[in-house]
Amino acid sequence: MFKKLLIVAGVVGAAVLIARKIKQSSDERALWHEATTAPDLR
């Protein structure tokens, strides 16, 4: 029982780390897009 709980906790922890990394990558890409896009001066 304890072994299964430990495996589930490891999988959940890995999923959280992967989700956090994907969000950081997305945020950085959005920031670069904003910084490198010409301003709309209409």
Protein backbone atom coordinates (compact mmCIF):
# COMPACT_ATOMS: atom_id res chain seq x y z
CA MET A 1 0.00 0.00 0.00
CA PHE A 2 2.74 2.45 0.96
CA LYS A 3 4.66 1.63 -2.21
CA LYS A 4 1.66 2.47 -4.41
CA LEU A 5 1.14 5.75 -2.55
CA LEU A 6 4.79 6.65 -3.06
CA ILE A 7 4.54 5.92 -6.79
CA VAL A 8 1.39 8.03 -7.13
CA ALA A 9 3.03 10.90 -5.24
CA GLY A 10 6.05 10.70 -7.57
CA VAL A 11 3.87 10.78 -10.69
CA VAL A 12 1.86 13.74 -9.37
CA GLY A 13 5.06 15.58 -8.44
CA ALA A 14 6.50 15.03 -11.90
CA ALA A 15 3.27 16.24 -13.51
CA VAL A 16 3.36 19.43 -11.42
CA LEU A 17 6.98 20.11 -12.41
CA ILE A 18 6.22 19.53 -16.10
CA ALA A 19 3.15 21.80 -15.97
CA ARG A 20 5.17 24.54 -14.25
CA LYS A 21 7.92 24.29 -16.89
CA ILE A 22 5.38 24.51 -19.74
CA LYS A 23 3.77 27.59 -18.15
CA GLN A 24 7.14 29.30 -17.73
CA SER A 25 7.98 28.59 -21.36
CA SER A 26 4.64 29.96 -22.51
CA ASP A 27 5.00 33.11 -20.38
CA GLU A 28 8.51 33.73 -21.71
CA ARG A 29 7.36 33.25 -25.31
CA ALA A 30 4.51 35.74 -24.77
CA LEU A 31 6.92 38.25 -23.25
CA TRP A 32 9.32 37.94 -26.20
CA HIS A 33 6.43 38.34 -28.62
CA GLU A 34 5.33 41.52 -26.87
CA ALA A 35 8.89 42.88 -26.76
CA THR A 36 9.66 42.20 -30.41
CA THR A 37 6.33 43.19 -31.98
CA ALA A 38 6.13 46.70 -33.38
CA PRO A 39 3.78 48.92 -31.42
CA ASP A 40 0.40 49.74 -32.94
CA LEU A 41 0.47 53.55 -33.25
CA ARG A 42 -2.80 54.10 -35.06
